N, C-alpha and C. Protein backbone atom coordinates (compact mmCIF):
# COMPACT_ATOMS: atom_id res chain seq x y z
N UNK A 1 5.75 150.30 -133.50
CA UNK A 1 4.88 151.13 -134.44
C UNK A 1 3.79 151.19 -133.49
N UNK A 2 2.96 150.25 -132.66
CA UNK A 2 1.87 149.69 -132.07
C UNK A 2 1.74 151.19 -131.01
N UNK A 3 2.88 152.19 -130.85
CA UNK A 3 2.29 153.22 -129.93
C UNK A 3 2.85 154.34 -130.78
N UNK A 4 2.75 154.22 -132.19
CA UNK A 4 2.93 155.38 -133.17
C UNK A 4 3.94 156.09 -133.19
N UNK A 5 5.10 155.38 -132.68
CA UNK A 5 6.25 156.33 -132.91
C UNK A 5 7.41 155.08 -133.55
N UNK A 6 8.43 155.72 -134.18
CA UNK A 6 9.27 154.97 -134.96
C UNK A 6 10.49 155.41 -134.75
N UNK A 7 11.91 155.27 -134.49
CA UNK A 7 12.95 155.95 -134.50
C UNK A 7 13.94 155.07 -135.31
N UNK A 8 14.52 156.11 -136.22
CA UNK A 8 15.46 155.48 -137.45
C UNK A 8 16.84 156.25 -137.22
N UNK A 9 17.88 155.43 -137.24
CA UNK A 9 18.84 155.80 -137.38
C UNK A 9 19.84 156.45 -138.27
N UNK A 10 20.55 157.62 -138.34
CA UNK A 10 21.21 158.23 -139.48
C UNK A 10 22.50 157.43 -139.34
N UNK A 11 22.64 156.53 -140.50
CA UNK A 11 24.17 156.27 -140.65
C UNK A 11 24.74 156.93 -141.92
N UNK A 12 25.82 157.24 -142.02
CA UNK A 12 27.00 157.65 -143.15
C UNK A 12 27.59 156.91 -143.39
N UNK A 13 28.32 156.61 -145.02
CA UNK A 13 29.06 155.76 -145.16
C UNK A 13 30.62 155.98 -144.29
N UNK A 14 30.86 157.12 -144.36
CA UNK A 14 32.16 157.21 -143.54
C UNK A 14 32.45 157.20 -142.23
N UNK A 15 31.37 157.29 -141.48
CA UNK A 15 31.35 156.92 -140.25
C UNK A 15 30.96 155.55 -139.82
N UNK A 16 31.34 155.26 -138.32
CA UNK A 16 31.63 153.72 -138.32
C UNK A 16 30.26 153.53 -137.28
N UNK A 17 29.95 154.69 -136.58
CA UNK A 17 28.82 154.60 -136.11
C UNK A 17 27.72 155.46 -136.30
N UNK A 18 26.43 155.58 -136.00
CA UNK A 18 25.57 156.61 -136.29
C UNK A 18 25.61 157.83 -135.92
N UNK A 19 25.36 158.65 -136.87
CA UNK A 19 25.45 160.11 -136.79
C UNK A 19 24.59 160.70 -136.19
N UNK A 20 23.20 159.98 -136.15
CA UNK A 20 22.17 160.76 -135.17
C UNK A 20 20.57 159.82 -135.46
N UNK A 21 19.88 160.20 -135.33
CA UNK A 21 18.54 159.46 -135.51
C UNK A 21 17.16 160.89 -135.51
N UNK A 22 16.65 159.69 -136.44
CA UNK A 22 15.34 160.83 -136.68
C UNK A 22 14.01 160.08 -135.71
N UNK A 23 12.85 160.54 -135.28
CA UNK A 23 11.75 160.21 -134.49
C UNK A 23 10.85 160.62 -135.15
N UNK A 24 9.96 159.90 -135.45
CA UNK A 24 8.41 159.83 -136.19
C UNK A 24 7.44 159.88 -134.74
N UNK A 25 6.39 160.60 -134.70
CA UNK A 25 5.79 160.07 -133.62
C UNK A 25 4.53 160.81 -133.95
N UNK A 26 3.38 160.21 -132.76
CA UNK A 26 1.98 160.66 -132.94
C UNK A 26 1.50 160.56 -134.53
N UNK A 27 1.71 159.24 -134.95
CA UNK A 27 1.52 159.09 -136.50
C UNK A 27 -0.36 158.92 -136.59
N UNK A 28 -0.96 159.87 -137.35
CA UNK A 28 -2.44 159.78 -137.39
C UNK A 28 -2.67 159.67 -138.99
N UNK A 29 -3.15 157.95 -139.35
CA UNK A 29 -3.25 158.17 -140.30
C UNK A 29 -4.93 158.56 -140.76
N UNK A 30 -5.43 158.50 -140.04
CA UNK A 30 -7.13 159.18 -140.63
C UNK A 30 -6.69 160.62 -141.04
N UNK A 31 -6.22 161.30 -139.92
CA UNK A 31 -5.68 162.74 -140.42
C UNK A 31 -4.82 163.11 -141.17
N UNK A 32 -4.25 161.97 -141.59
CA UNK A 32 -2.66 162.00 -142.32
C UNK A 32 -1.43 163.08 -141.80
N UNK A 33 -1.23 162.93 -140.78
CA UNK A 33 -0.37 164.02 -140.23
C UNK A 33 0.73 162.86 -139.35
N UNK A 34 1.92 163.27 -139.04
CA UNK A 34 2.97 162.89 -138.05
C UNK A 34 3.92 163.99 -137.78
N UNK A 35 4.26 163.69 -136.43
CA UNK A 35 5.31 164.50 -136.18
C UNK A 35 6.58 163.90 -136.26
N UNK A 36 7.73 164.75 -136.21
CA UNK A 36 9.16 164.85 -136.75
C UNK A 36 10.19 165.58 -135.50
N UNK A 37 10.90 164.63 -135.45
CA UNK A 37 12.54 165.20 -134.66
C UNK A 37 13.68 164.59 -135.35
N UNK A 38 14.57 165.29 -134.94
CA UNK A 38 15.84 164.89 -135.34
C UNK A 38 16.73 164.93 -134.13
N UNK A 39 17.72 164.27 -134.47
CA UNK A 39 19.18 164.46 -133.22
C UNK A 39 20.44 164.45 -134.07
N UNK A 40 21.42 165.11 -134.10
CA UNK A 40 22.84 164.92 -134.59
C UNK A 40 23.67 164.56 -133.70
N UNK A 41 24.29 163.85 -133.78
CA UNK A 41 25.62 163.93 -132.54
C UNK A 41 26.48 165.31 -132.88
N UNK A 42 26.66 165.65 -131.58
CA UNK A 42 27.65 167.20 -131.91
C UNK A 42 28.63 167.08 -132.90
N UNK A 43 29.55 166.01 -132.98
CA UNK A 43 30.50 165.94 -133.71
C UNK A 43 30.15 165.86 -135.34
N UNK A 44 28.98 165.76 -135.61
CA UNK A 44 28.59 165.38 -137.10
C UNK A 44 27.83 166.74 -137.59
N UNK A 45 27.57 167.65 -136.74
CA UNK A 45 26.82 168.56 -136.94
C UNK A 45 27.22 169.42 -138.11
N UNK A 46 26.52 170.93 -138.39
CA UNK A 46 27.18 171.27 -139.70
C UNK A 46 27.88 170.94 -140.87
N UNK A 47 26.97 169.59 -141.42
CA UNK A 47 27.84 168.48 -142.53
C UNK A 47 26.54 168.21 -142.90
N UNK A 48 25.49 168.61 -143.12
CA UNK A 48 24.37 168.46 -144.09
C UNK A 48 23.16 166.90 -143.74
N UNK A 49 24.22 166.54 -142.51
CA UNK A 49 23.05 164.86 -142.55
C UNK A 49 22.06 165.35 -141.93
N UNK A 50 21.40 166.29 -141.35
CA UNK A 50 20.28 166.61 -140.50
C UNK A 50 19.38 167.08 -141.97
N UNK A 51 19.68 168.02 -142.58
CA UNK A 51 19.35 168.32 -144.04
C UNK A 51 18.94 167.44 -144.83
N UNK A 52 20.18 166.66 -145.36
CA UNK A 52 19.85 165.24 -146.18
C UNK A 52 18.62 164.31 -145.61
N UNK A 53 19.12 163.88 -144.18
CA UNK A 53 17.91 163.18 -143.60
C UNK A 53 16.56 163.35 -143.76
N UNK A 54 16.52 164.32 -143.24
CA UNK A 54 14.82 165.17 -142.95
C UNK A 54 14.41 165.39 -144.60
N UNK A 55 15.05 165.80 -145.52
CA UNK A 55 14.50 165.83 -146.92
C UNK A 55 14.32 164.55 -147.62
N UNK A 56 15.16 163.56 -147.22
CA UNK A 56 14.41 161.99 -147.56
C UNK A 56 13.33 161.82 -146.90
N UNK A 57 13.09 162.15 -145.73
CA UNK A 57 12.23 161.62 -144.77
C UNK A 57 10.77 162.10 -145.32
N UNK A 58 11.28 163.34 -145.33
CA UNK A 58 9.80 164.21 -145.61
C UNK A 58 9.25 163.65 -147.21
N UNK A 59 10.10 163.44 -148.28
CA UNK A 59 10.13 162.84 -149.44
C UNK A 59 9.27 161.80 -149.12
N UNK A 60 9.88 160.97 -148.38
CA UNK A 60 9.17 159.18 -148.30
C UNK A 60 7.57 159.42 -147.36
N UNK A 61 7.60 160.49 -146.67
CA UNK A 61 6.68 160.52 -145.78
C UNK A 61 5.38 161.57 -146.79
N UNK A 62 5.57 162.23 -147.54
CA UNK A 62 4.55 162.94 -148.66
C UNK A 62 4.47 161.61 -149.93
N UNK A 63 5.47 161.00 -150.39
CA UNK A 63 5.17 160.36 -151.59
C UNK A 63 4.68 158.70 -151.34
N UNK A 64 5.46 158.22 -150.41
CA UNK A 64 5.20 156.57 -150.24
C UNK A 64 3.86 156.61 -149.08
N UNK A 65 4.09 156.96 -148.04
CA UNK A 65 2.91 156.98 -146.99
C UNK A 65 1.74 157.84 -147.02
N UNK A 66 2.16 159.08 -148.01
CA UNK A 66 0.74 159.61 -148.42
C UNK A 66 0.32 160.65 -146.94
N UNK A 67 1.14 160.70 -146.28
CA UNK A 67 0.79 162.01 -145.16
C UNK A 67 0.46 163.30 -145.91
N UNK A 68 -0.53 164.03 -145.07
CA UNK A 68 -0.88 165.69 -145.46
C UNK A 68 0.20 166.45 -145.01
N UNK A 69 0.20 166.19 -143.45
CA UNK A 69 1.51 167.18 -143.41
C UNK A 69 1.89 166.91 -141.97
N UNK A 70 3.39 167.43 -141.73
CA UNK A 70 4.41 166.92 -140.84
C UNK A 70 4.48 168.15 -139.82
N UNK A 71 4.58 167.90 -138.64
CA UNK A 71 4.70 168.58 -137.58
C UNK A 71 6.11 168.24 -136.80
N UNK A 72 6.49 169.42 -136.08
CA UNK A 72 7.40 169.38 -134.90
C UNK A 72 7.72 170.54 -134.16
N UNK A 73 8.01 170.51 -133.02
CA UNK A 73 7.88 171.86 -131.77
C UNK A 73 9.57 171.76 -131.73
N UNK A 74 9.81 172.96 -131.59
CA UNK A 74 11.06 173.28 -131.41
C UNK A 74 11.23 174.15 -130.43
N UNK A 75 12.35 174.18 -129.39
CA UNK A 75 12.56 175.00 -128.14
C UNK A 75 13.03 176.21 -129.00
N UNK A 76 12.05 177.02 -128.59
CA UNK A 76 12.42 178.84 -129.19
C UNK A 76 13.73 179.43 -128.92
N UNK A 77 14.81 178.55 -128.20
CA UNK A 77 16.22 179.43 -127.94
C UNK A 77 17.16 178.31 -129.01
N UNK A 78 16.20 177.52 -129.63
CA UNK A 78 17.66 176.86 -130.87
C UNK A 78 17.11 176.94 -132.16
N UNK A 79 17.69 178.53 -132.50
CA UNK A 79 17.45 178.90 -133.54
C UNK A 79 18.24 177.99 -134.56
N UNK A 80 19.37 177.49 -134.54
CA UNK A 80 19.73 176.46 -135.51
C UNK A 80 18.61 175.44 -136.15
N UNK A 81 18.00 174.84 -135.24
CA UNK A 81 17.19 173.88 -135.70
C UNK A 81 15.94 174.73 -136.53
N UNK A 82 15.54 175.84 -135.80
CA UNK A 82 14.72 176.67 -136.58
C UNK A 82 14.74 176.90 -137.86
N UNK A 83 16.27 177.22 -138.12
CA UNK A 83 16.68 177.43 -139.19
C UNK A 83 16.71 176.48 -140.05
N UNK A 84 17.35 174.92 -140.01
CA UNK A 84 16.96 174.05 -140.33
C UNK A 84 15.61 173.70 -140.94
N UNK A 85 14.65 173.60 -140.07
CA UNK A 85 13.16 173.30 -140.64
C UNK A 85 12.92 174.66 -141.57
N UNK A 86 12.97 175.57 -141.35
CA UNK A 86 12.63 176.39 -142.42
C UNK A 86 13.42 176.37 -143.57
N UNK A 87 14.36 176.06 -143.75
CA UNK A 87 14.95 175.90 -144.84
C UNK A 87 14.50 174.49 -145.55
N UNK A 88 13.61 173.72 -145.09
CA UNK A 88 13.05 172.70 -145.64
C UNK A 88 11.36 173.00 -146.28
N UNK A 89 10.93 174.00 -145.80
CA UNK A 89 9.68 174.84 -146.12
C UNK A 89 8.95 174.55 -144.69
N UNK A 90 9.23 174.01 -143.98
CA UNK A 90 8.49 174.28 -142.45
C UNK A 90 8.00 175.63 -142.32
N UNK A 91 6.66 175.82 -141.77
CA UNK A 91 6.25 177.29 -141.23
C UNK A 91 6.11 177.16 -139.93
N UNK A 92 6.17 178.03 -139.30
CA UNK A 92 6.03 178.41 -137.70
C UNK A 92 4.46 178.53 -138.37
N UNK A 93 3.85 177.88 -137.01
CA UNK A 93 2.09 178.13 -136.59
C UNK A 93 1.72 178.50 -135.41
N UNK A 94 2.44 178.44 -134.57
CA UNK A 94 1.98 178.61 -132.72
C UNK A 94 3.26 178.62 -131.88
N UNK A 95 2.83 179.04 -130.84
CA UNK A 95 4.22 179.40 -129.74
C UNK A 95 3.61 178.63 -128.41
N UNK A 96 3.98 177.72 -128.07
CA UNK A 96 3.40 177.54 -126.34
C UNK A 96 4.49 178.03 -125.54
N UNK A 97 3.89 178.79 -124.58
CA UNK A 97 4.63 179.75 -123.68
C UNK A 97 4.96 178.54 -122.53
N UNK A 98 6.50 178.87 -122.36
CA UNK A 98 7.16 178.09 -120.87
C UNK A 98 6.42 176.52 -120.81
N UNK A 99 6.88 176.17 -121.88
CA UNK A 99 6.28 174.79 -122.20
C UNK A 99 7.45 173.56 -121.83
N UNK A 100 8.78 174.07 -121.54
CA UNK A 100 9.68 173.32 -121.28
C UNK A 100 10.72 173.60 -120.11
N UNK A 101 10.56 172.73 -119.30
CA UNK A 101 11.54 173.17 -118.04
C UNK A 101 13.11 173.08 -118.16
N UNK A 102 13.72 174.16 -117.46
CA UNK A 102 15.03 173.92 -117.75
C UNK A 102 15.54 174.27 -116.78
N UNK A 103 17.28 174.07 -116.26
CA UNK A 103 17.36 174.74 -115.09
C UNK A 103 17.53 175.61 -114.95
N UNK A 104 17.28 176.56 -116.03
CA UNK A 104 17.33 178.09 -115.68
C UNK A 104 16.03 178.67 -115.72
N UNK A 105 14.88 178.00 -115.83
CA UNK A 105 13.42 178.25 -116.11
C UNK A 105 12.88 177.77 -117.09
N UNK A 106 11.75 177.92 -117.51
CA UNK A 106 10.69 177.77 -118.21
C UNK A 106 11.15 178.38 -119.72
N UNK A 107 11.37 177.60 -120.77
CA UNK A 107 10.86 178.37 -122.03
C UNK A 107 10.16 177.64 -123.04
N UNK A 108 9.94 178.66 -124.10
CA UNK A 108 8.89 178.66 -125.15
C UNK A 108 9.12 177.62 -126.08
N UNK A 109 8.04 177.09 -126.99
CA UNK A 109 8.66 175.81 -127.93
C UNK A 109 7.64 176.75 -129.18
N UNK A 110 8.04 176.37 -130.29
CA UNK A 110 7.54 176.91 -131.62
C UNK A 110 7.28 176.02 -132.30
N UNK A 111 6.03 175.46 -132.72
CA UNK A 111 5.33 174.87 -133.32
C UNK A 111 5.53 175.23 -134.85
N UNK A 112 5.92 173.84 -135.40
CA UNK A 112 6.26 174.25 -137.31
C UNK A 112 5.09 173.14 -137.90
N UNK A 113 4.87 173.35 -138.84
CA UNK A 113 3.98 172.48 -139.88
C UNK A 113 4.69 172.28 -141.51
N UNK A 114 4.74 171.65 -142.00
CA UNK A 114 4.75 171.68 -143.44
C UNK A 114 3.65 170.36 -144.12
N UNK A 115 3.00 170.88 -145.04
CA UNK A 115 1.86 170.35 -145.92
C UNK A 115 2.39 170.00 -147.22
N UNK A 116 1.55 168.41 -147.63
CA UNK A 116 1.99 167.76 -149.00
C UNK A 116 0.77 168.66 -149.56
N UNK A 117 1.18 169.29 -150.62
CA UNK A 117 0.43 170.12 -151.51
C UNK A 117 -0.15 169.24 -152.81
N UNK A 118 0.22 168.13 -152.65
CA UNK A 118 0.24 167.24 -153.67
C UNK A 118 -1.39 166.54 -153.37
N UNK A 119 -1.45 166.54 -152.30
CA UNK A 119 -2.65 165.82 -151.65
C UNK A 119 -3.82 166.83 -151.87
N UNK A 120 -3.81 167.96 -151.69
CA UNK A 120 -4.75 168.80 -151.43
C UNK A 120 -5.43 168.68 -150.10
N UNK A 121 -6.72 169.08 -150.29
CA UNK A 121 -7.33 169.34 -148.85
C UNK A 121 -8.39 168.13 -148.62
């Protein structure tokens, strides 16, 4: 936590090994924000693990940690992740051009935010 990062494993009762992980990064308690990322093993995708894990984590961050906003950055080609975060209430708030280098060239990244409206301004 000293480097403002935390990785949590996602364990499902029916799986022998973790099905994925969530990362918290760039935690800023002064401004009340934290970055969020998720990775689900391909064998466990489209089974609700990501939705459940993110929903629980956001609830914890807003309720117990009292952060004001959660943010993430998603590869513009990753429409499945965009839909996941949008279903959870995240709103696109910006786009960084040519942000990630891939073997095929550079791709854009879309920034998303979710605000804790219970904390106010």
